Amino acid sequence: RGTKFGLQTPGSRIESILMSLPPVAKWKYTWDFKPDSPEMKLMKVLKEPKEWV
Protein backbone atom coordinates (compact mmCIF):
# COMPACT_ATOMS: atom_id res chain seq x y z
CA ARG A 1 0.00 0.00 0.00
CA GLY A 2 2.85 2.40 0.78
CA THR A 3 4.46 1.72 -2.58
CA LYS A 4 1.20 2.48 -4.40
CA PHE A 5 0.81 5.72 -2.42
CA GLY A 6 4.38 6.72 -3.23
CA LEU A 7 3.95 6.05 -6.93
CA GLN A 8 0.78 8.17 -7.01
CA THR A 9 2.43 11.12 -5.23
CA PRO A 10 3.26 13.94 -7.67
CA GLY A 11 6.98 14.64 -7.99
CA SER A 12 8.03 11.38 -6.34
CA ARG A 13 11.26 9.62 -7.29
CA ILE A 14 10.12 6.28 -8.69
CA GLU A 15 13.57 4.68 -8.38
CA SER A 16 13.69 5.48 -4.65
CA ILE A 17 10.21 4.06 -4.08
CA LEU A 18 10.93 0.83 -5.95
CA MET A 19 14.23 0.42 -4.07
CA SER A 20 12.22 0.14 -0.83
CA LEU A 21 10.53 -3.06 -2.06
CA PRO A 22 11.88 -6.37 -0.74
CA PRO A 23 14.33 -8.18 -3.06
CA VAL A 24 11.64 -10.70 -3.95
CA ALA A 25 8.15 -9.21 -3.95
CA LYS A 26 5.26 -11.62 -4.41
CA TRP A 27 1.51 -11.34 -3.91
CA LYS A 28 -0.95 -14.20 -3.92
CA TYR A 29 -4.41 -13.39 -5.24
CA THR A 30 -7.38 -14.76 -3.23
CA TRP A 31 -5.11 -16.34 -0.62
CA ASP A 32 -6.77 -18.89 1.67
CA PHE A 33 -5.50 -19.25 5.22
CA LYS A 34 -5.65 -22.40 7.31
CA PRO A 35 -8.75 -22.50 9.54
CA ASP A 36 -8.12 -21.19 13.07
CA SER A 37 -4.68 -19.81 12.10
CA PRO A 38 -3.59 -16.41 13.46
CA GLU A 39 -3.85 -15.02 9.94
CA MET A 40 -7.45 -16.23 9.58
CA LYS A 41 -8.37 -14.73 12.96
CA LEU A 42 -6.88 -11.39 11.91
CA MET A 43 -8.75 -11.43 8.59
CA LYS A 44 -12.03 -12.10 10.42
CA VAL A 45 -11.47 -9.11 12.71
CA LEU A 46 -10.53 -6.87 9.78
CA LYS A 47 -13.53 -7.94 7.68
CA GLU A 48 -16.06 -7.92 10.53
CA PRO A 49 -15.04 -5.13 12.95
CA LYS A 50 -16.82 -4.80 16.31
CA GLU A 51 -18.77 -1.69 17.22
CA TRP A 52 -17.12 -0.72 20.51
CA VAL A 53 -19.07 2.44 21.28
PDB file of N, CA and C in Angstrom:
ATOM      1  N   ARG A   1       0.827  -1.184   0.000  1.00  0.00           N
ATOM      2  CA  ARG A   1       0.000   0.000   0.000  1.00  0.00           C
ATOM      3  C   ARG A   1       0.874   1.251   0.000  1.00  0.00           C
ATOM      4  N   GLY A   2       1.958   1.248   0.746  1.00  0.00           N
ATOM      5  CA  GLY A   2       2.846   2.401   0.778  1.00  0.00           C
ATOM      6  C   GLY A   2       3.493   2.656  -0.562  1.00  0.00           C
ATOM      7  N   THR A   3       3.851   1.581  -1.265  1.00  0.00           N
ATOM      8  CA  THR A   3       4.459   1.723  -2.585  1.00  0.00           C
ATOM      9  C   THR A   3       3.473   2.359  -3.554  1.00  0.00           C
ATOM     10  N   LYS A   4       2.229   1.916  -3.517  1.00  0.00           N
ATOM     11  CA  LYS A   4       1.199   2.482  -4.401  1.00  0.00           C
ATOM     12  C   LYS A   4       1.011   3.967  -4.100  1.00  0.00           C
ATOM     13  N   PHE A   5       0.955   4.315  -2.816  1.00  0.00           N
ATOM     14  CA  PHE A   5       0.807   5.717  -2.423  1.00  0.00           C
ATOM     15  C   PHE A   5       1.985   6.531  -2.940  1.00  0.00           C
ATOM     16  N   GLY A   6       3.190   6.000  -2.773  1.00  0.00           N
ATOM     17  CA  GLY A   6       4.376   6.715  -3.231  1.00  0.00           C
ATOM     18  C   GLY A   6       4.381   6.936  -4.726  1.00  0.00           C
ATOM     19  N   LEU A   7       3.963   5.928  -5.469  1.00  0.00           N
ATOM     20  CA  LEU A   7       3.946   6.054  -6.928  1.00  0.00           C
ATOM     21  C   LEU A   7       2.902   7.054  -7.401  1.00  0.00           C
ATOM     22  N   GLN A   8       1.841   7.240  -6.622  1.00  0.00           N
ATOM     23  CA  GLN A   8       0.779   8.173  -7.006  1.00  0.00           C
ATOM     24  C   GLN A   8       1.057   9.602  -6.539  1.00  0.00           C
ATOM     25  N   THR A   9       2.103   9.799  -5.741  1.00  0.00           N
ATOM     26  CA  THR A   9       2.434  11.122  -5.234  1.00  0.00           C
ATOM     27  C   THR A   9       3.134  11.937  -6.318  1.00  0.00           C
ATOM     28  N   PRO A  10       2.614  13.119  -6.636  1.00  0.00           N
ATOM     29  CA  PRO A  10       3.256  13.941  -7.668  1.00  0.00           C
ATOM     30  C   PRO A  10       4.686  14.316  -7.270  1.00  0.00           C
ATOM     31  N   GLY A  11       5.589  14.243  -8.233  1.00  0.00           N
ATOM     32  CA  GLY A  11       6.975  14.636  -7.991  1.00  0.00           C
ATOM     33  C   GLY A  11       7.804  13.604  -7.257  1.00  0.00           C
ATOM     34  N   SER A  12       7.275  12.404  -7.072  1.00  0.00           N
ATOM     35  CA  SER A  12       8.030  11.381  -6.338  1.00  0.00           C
ATOM     36  C   SER A  12       9.119  10.781  -7.219  1.00  0.00           C
ATOM     37  N   ARG A  13      10.165  10.269  -6.573  1.00  0.00           N
ATOM     38  CA  ARG A  13      11.259   9.620  -7.293  1.00  0.00           C
ATOM     39  C   ARG A  13      10.959   8.128  -7.357  1.00  0.00           C
ATOM     40  N   ILE A  14      10.553   7.667  -8.517  1.00  0.00           N
ATOM     41  CA  ILE A  14      10.115   6.282  -8.692  1.00  0.00           C
ATOM     42  C   ILE A  14      11.212   5.300  -8.311  1.00  0.00           C
ATOM     43  N   GLU A  15      12.468   5.600  -8.694  1.00  0.00           N
ATOM     44  CA  GLU A  15      13.568   4.681  -8.378  1.00  0.00           C
ATOM     45  C   GLU A  15      13.700   4.481  -6.872  1.00  0.00           C
ATOM     46  N   SER A  16      13.568   5.568  -6.111  1.00  0.00           N
ATOM     47  CA  SER A  16      13.689   5.476  -4.652  1.00  0.00           C
ATOM     48  C   SER A  16      12.560   4.648  -4.059  1.00  0.00           C
ATOM     49  N   ILE A  17      11.366   4.805  -4.589  1.00  0.00           N
ATOM     50  CA  ILE A  17      10.215   4.056  -4.080  1.00  0.00           C
ATOM     51  C   ILE A  17      10.384   2.573  -4.367  1.00  0.00           C
ATOM     52  N   LEU A  18      10.778   2.240  -5.589  1.00  0.00           N
ATOM     53  CA  LEU A  18      10.933   0.830  -5.949  1.00  0.00           C
ATOM     54  C   LEU A  18      12.104   0.183  -5.217  1.00  0.00           C
ATOM     55  N   MET A  19      13.103   0.963  -4.827  1.00  0.00           N
ATOM     56  CA  MET A  19      14.232   0.415  -4.068  1.00  0.00           C
ATOM     57  C   MET A  19      13.800  -0.025  -2.667  1.00  0.00           C
ATOM     58  N   SER A  20      12.685   0.513  -2.172  1.00  0.00           N
ATOM     59  CA  SER A  20      12.222   0.141  -0.834  1.00  0.00           C
ATOM     60  C   SER A  20      11.486  -1.196  -0.820  1.00  0.00           C
ATOM     61  N   LEU A  21      11.185  -1.753  -1.998  1.00  0.00           N
ATOM     62  CA  LEU A  21      10.529  -3.063  -2.058  1.00  0.00           C
ATOM     63  C   LEU A  21      11.498  -4.158  -1.618  1.00  0.00           C
ATOM     64  N   PRO A  22      10.999  -5.253  -1.079  1.00  0.00           N
ATOM     65  CA  PRO A  22      11.882  -6.372  -0.741  1.00  0.00           C
ATOM     66  C   PRO A  22      12.519  -6.937  -2.012  1.00  0.00           C
ATOM     67  N   PRO A  23      13.661  -7.625  -1.877  1.00  0.00           N
ATOM     68  CA  PRO A  23      14.331  -8.179  -3.057  1.00  0.00           C
ATOM     69  C   PRO A  23      13.420  -9.075  -3.896  1.00  0.00           C
ATOM     70  N   VAL A  24      12.586  -9.839  -3.237  1.00  0.00           N
ATOM     71  CA  VAL A  24      11.641 -10.700  -3.950  1.00  0.00           C
ATOM     72  C   VAL A  24      10.248 -10.311  -3.462  1.00  0.00           C
ATOM     73  N   ALA A  25       9.502  -9.624  -4.310  1.00  0.00           N
ATOM     74  CA  ALA A  25       8.147  -9.211  -3.946  1.00  0.00           C
ATOM     75  C   ALA A  25       7.159 -10.133  -4.639  1.00  0.00           C
ATOM     76  N   LYS A  26       6.224 -10.682  -3.849  1.00  0.00           N
ATOM     77  CA  LYS A  26       5.262 -11.622  -4.412  1.00  0.00           C
ATOM     78  C   LYS A  26       3.920 -11.427  -3.707  1.00  0.00           C
ATOM     79  N   TRP A  27       2.854 -11.446  -4.462  1.00  0.00           N
ATOM     80  CA  TRP A  27       1.514 -11.340  -3.905  1.00  0.00           C
ATOM     81  C   TRP A  27       0.692 -12.508  -4.409  1.00  0.00           C
ATOM     82  N   LYS A  28      -0.066 -13.110  -3.528  1.00  0.00           N
ATOM     83  CA  LYS A  28      -0.950 -14.203  -3.922  1.00  0.00           C
ATOM     84  C   LYS A  28      -2.373 -13.667  -3.943  1.00  0.00           C
ATOM     85  N   TYR A  29      -3.050 -13.867  -5.060  1.00  0.00           N
ATOM     86  CA  TYR A  29      -4.414 -13.386  -5.239  1.00  0.00           C
ATOM     87  C   TYR A  29      -5.383 -14.401  -4.658  1.00  0.00           C
ATOM     88  N   THR A  30      -6.378 -13.925  -3.925  1.00  0.00           N
ATOM     89  CA  THR A  30      -7.375 -14.756  -3.235  1.00  0.00           C
ATOM     90  C   THR A  30      -6.713 -15.843  -2.391  1.00  0.00           C
ATOM     91  N   TRP A  31      -5.839 -15.436  -1.511  1.00  0.00           N
ATOM     92  CA  TRP A  31      -5.109 -16.338  -0.625  1.00  0.00           C
ATOM     93  C   TRP A  31      -6.044 -16.917   0.422  1.00  0.00           C
ATOM     94  N   ASP A  32      -5.972 -18.216   0.637  1.00  0.00           N
ATOM     95  CA  ASP A  32      -6.774 -18.885   1.666  1.00  0.00           C
ATOM     96  C   ASP A  32      -5.867 -19.281   2.821  1.00  0.00           C
ATOM     97  N   PHE A  33      -6.266 -18.904   4.036  1.00  0.00           N
ATOM     98  CA  PHE A  33      -5.497 -19.251   5.222  1.00  0.00           C
ATOM     99  C   PHE A  33      -6.038 -20.536   5.824  1.00  0.00           C
ATOM    100  N   LYS A  34      -5.204 -21.192   6.611  1.00  0.00           N
ATOM    101  CA  LYS A  34      -5.650 -22.397   7.308  1.00  0.00           C
ATOM    102  C   LYS A  34      -6.689 -21.996   8.352  1.00  0.00           C
ATOM    103  N   PRO A  35      -7.736 -22.815   8.526  1.00  0.00           N
ATOM    104  CA  PRO A  35      -8.748 -22.497   9.537  1.00  0.00           C
ATOM    105  C   PRO A  35      -8.116 -22.388  10.925  1.00  0.00           C
ATOM    106  N   ASP A  36      -8.557 -21.420  11.693  1.00  0.00           N
ATOM    107  CA  ASP A  36      -8.122 -21.185  13.067  1.00  0.00           C
ATOM    108  C   ASP A  36      -6.656 -20.761  13.172  1.00  0.00           C
ATOM    109  N   SER A  37      -6.050 -20.329  12.069  1.00  0.00           N
ATOM    110  CA  SER A  37      -4.678 -19.814  12.104  1.00  0.00           C
ATOM    111  C   SER A  37      -4.716 -18.356  12.564  1.00  0.00           C
ATOM    112  N   PRO A  38      -3.604 -17.825  13.067  1.00  0.00           N
ATOM    113  CA  PRO A  38      -3.585 -16.410  13.463  1.00  0.00           C
ATOM    114  C   PRO A  38      -3.952 -15.478  12.306  1.00  0.00           C
ATOM    115  N   GLU A  39      -3.528 -15.847  11.098  1.00  0.00           N
ATOM    116  CA  GLU A  39      -3.847 -15.023   9.935  1.00  0.00           C
ATOM    117  C   GLU A  39      -5.351 -15.000   9.666  1.00  0.00           C
ATOM    118  N   MET A  40      -6.005 -16.154   9.807  1.00  0.00           N
ATOM    119  CA  MET A  40      -7.447 -16.232   9.576  1.00  0.00           C
ATOM    120  C   MET A  40      -8.194 -15.436  10.647  1.00  0.00           C
ATOM    121  N   LYS A  41      -7.732 -15.500  11.892  1.00  0.00           N
ATOM    122  CA  LYS A  41      -8.369 -14.730  12.963  1.00  0.00           C
ATOM    123  C   LYS A  41      -8.250 -13.230  12.697  1.00  0.00           C
ATOM    124  N   LEU A  42      -7.074 -12.798  12.234  1.00  0.00           N
ATOM    125  CA  LEU A  42      -6.878 -11.389  11.911  1.00  0.00           C
ATOM    126  C   LEU A  42      -7.794 -10.958  10.773  1.00  0.00           C
ATOM    127  N   MET A  43      -7.894 -11.763   9.729  1.00  0.00           N
ATOM    128  CA  MET A  43      -8.749 -11.425   8.593  1.00  0.00           C
ATOM    129  C   MET A  43     -10.207 -11.305   9.020  1.00  0.00           C
ATOM    130  N   LYS A  44     -10.646 -12.169   9.936  1.00  0.00           N
ATOM    131  CA  LYS A  44     -12.029 -12.101  10.416  1.00  0.00           C
ATOM    132  C   LYS A  44     -12.278 -10.782  11.150  1.00  0.00           C
ATOM    133  N   VAL A  45     -11.325 -10.376  11.984  1.00  0.00           N
ATOM    134  CA  VAL A  45     -11.470  -9.114  12.712  1.00  0.00           C
ATOM    135  C   VAL A  45     -11.474  -7.934  11.740  1.00  0.00           C
ATOM    136  N   LEU A  46     -10.607  -7.980  10.734  1.00  0.00           N
ATOM    137  CA  LEU A  46     -10.534  -6.875   9.780  1.00  0.00           C
ATOM    138  C   LEU A  46     -11.774  -6.788   8.898  1.00  0.00           C
ATOM    139  N   LYS A  47     -12.349  -7.928   8.549  1.00  0.00           N
ATOM    140  CA  LYS A  47     -13.526  -7.937   7.675  1.00  0.00           C
ATOM    141  C   LYS A  47     -14.821  -7.703   8.432  1.00  0.00           C
ATOM    142  N   GLU A  48     -14.848  -8.061   9.721  1.00  0.00           N
ATOM    143  CA  GLU A  48     -16.058  -7.916  10.531  1.00  0.00           C
ATOM    144  C   GLU A  48     -15.720  -7.177  11.824  1.00  0.00           C
ATOM    145  N   PRO A  49     -15.439  -5.870  11.749  1.00  0.00           N
ATOM    146  CA  PRO A  49     -15.044  -5.133  12.953  1.00  0.00           C
ATOM    147  C   PRO A  49     -16.187  -5.039  13.963  1.00  0.00           C
ATOM    148  N   LYS A  50     -15.821  -4.943  15.244  1.00  0.00           N
ATOM    149  CA  LYS A  50     -16.817  -4.799  16.308  1.00  0.00           C
ATOM    150  C   LYS A  50     -17.127  -3.325  16.527  1.00  0.00           C
ATOM    151  N   GLU A  51     -18.360  -3.039  16.864  1.00  0.00           N
ATOM    152  CA  GLU A  51     -18.773  -1.685  17.215  1.00  0.00           C
ATOM    153  C   GLU A  51     -18.544  -1.531  18.719  1.00  0.00           C
ATOM    154  N   TRP A  52     -17.503  -0.812  19.107  1.00  0.00           N
ATOM    155  CA  TRP A  52     -17.124  -0.720  20.514  1.00  0.00           C
ATOM    156  C   TRP A  52     -17.907   0.350  21.269  1.00  0.00           C
ATOM    157  N   VAL A  53     -18.384   1.347  20.575  1.00  0.00           N
ATOM    158  CA  VAL A  53     -19.067   2.439  21.276  1.00  0.00           C
ATOM    159  C   VAL A  53     -20.513   2.495  20.848  1.00  0.00           C
TER     160      VAL A  53
END
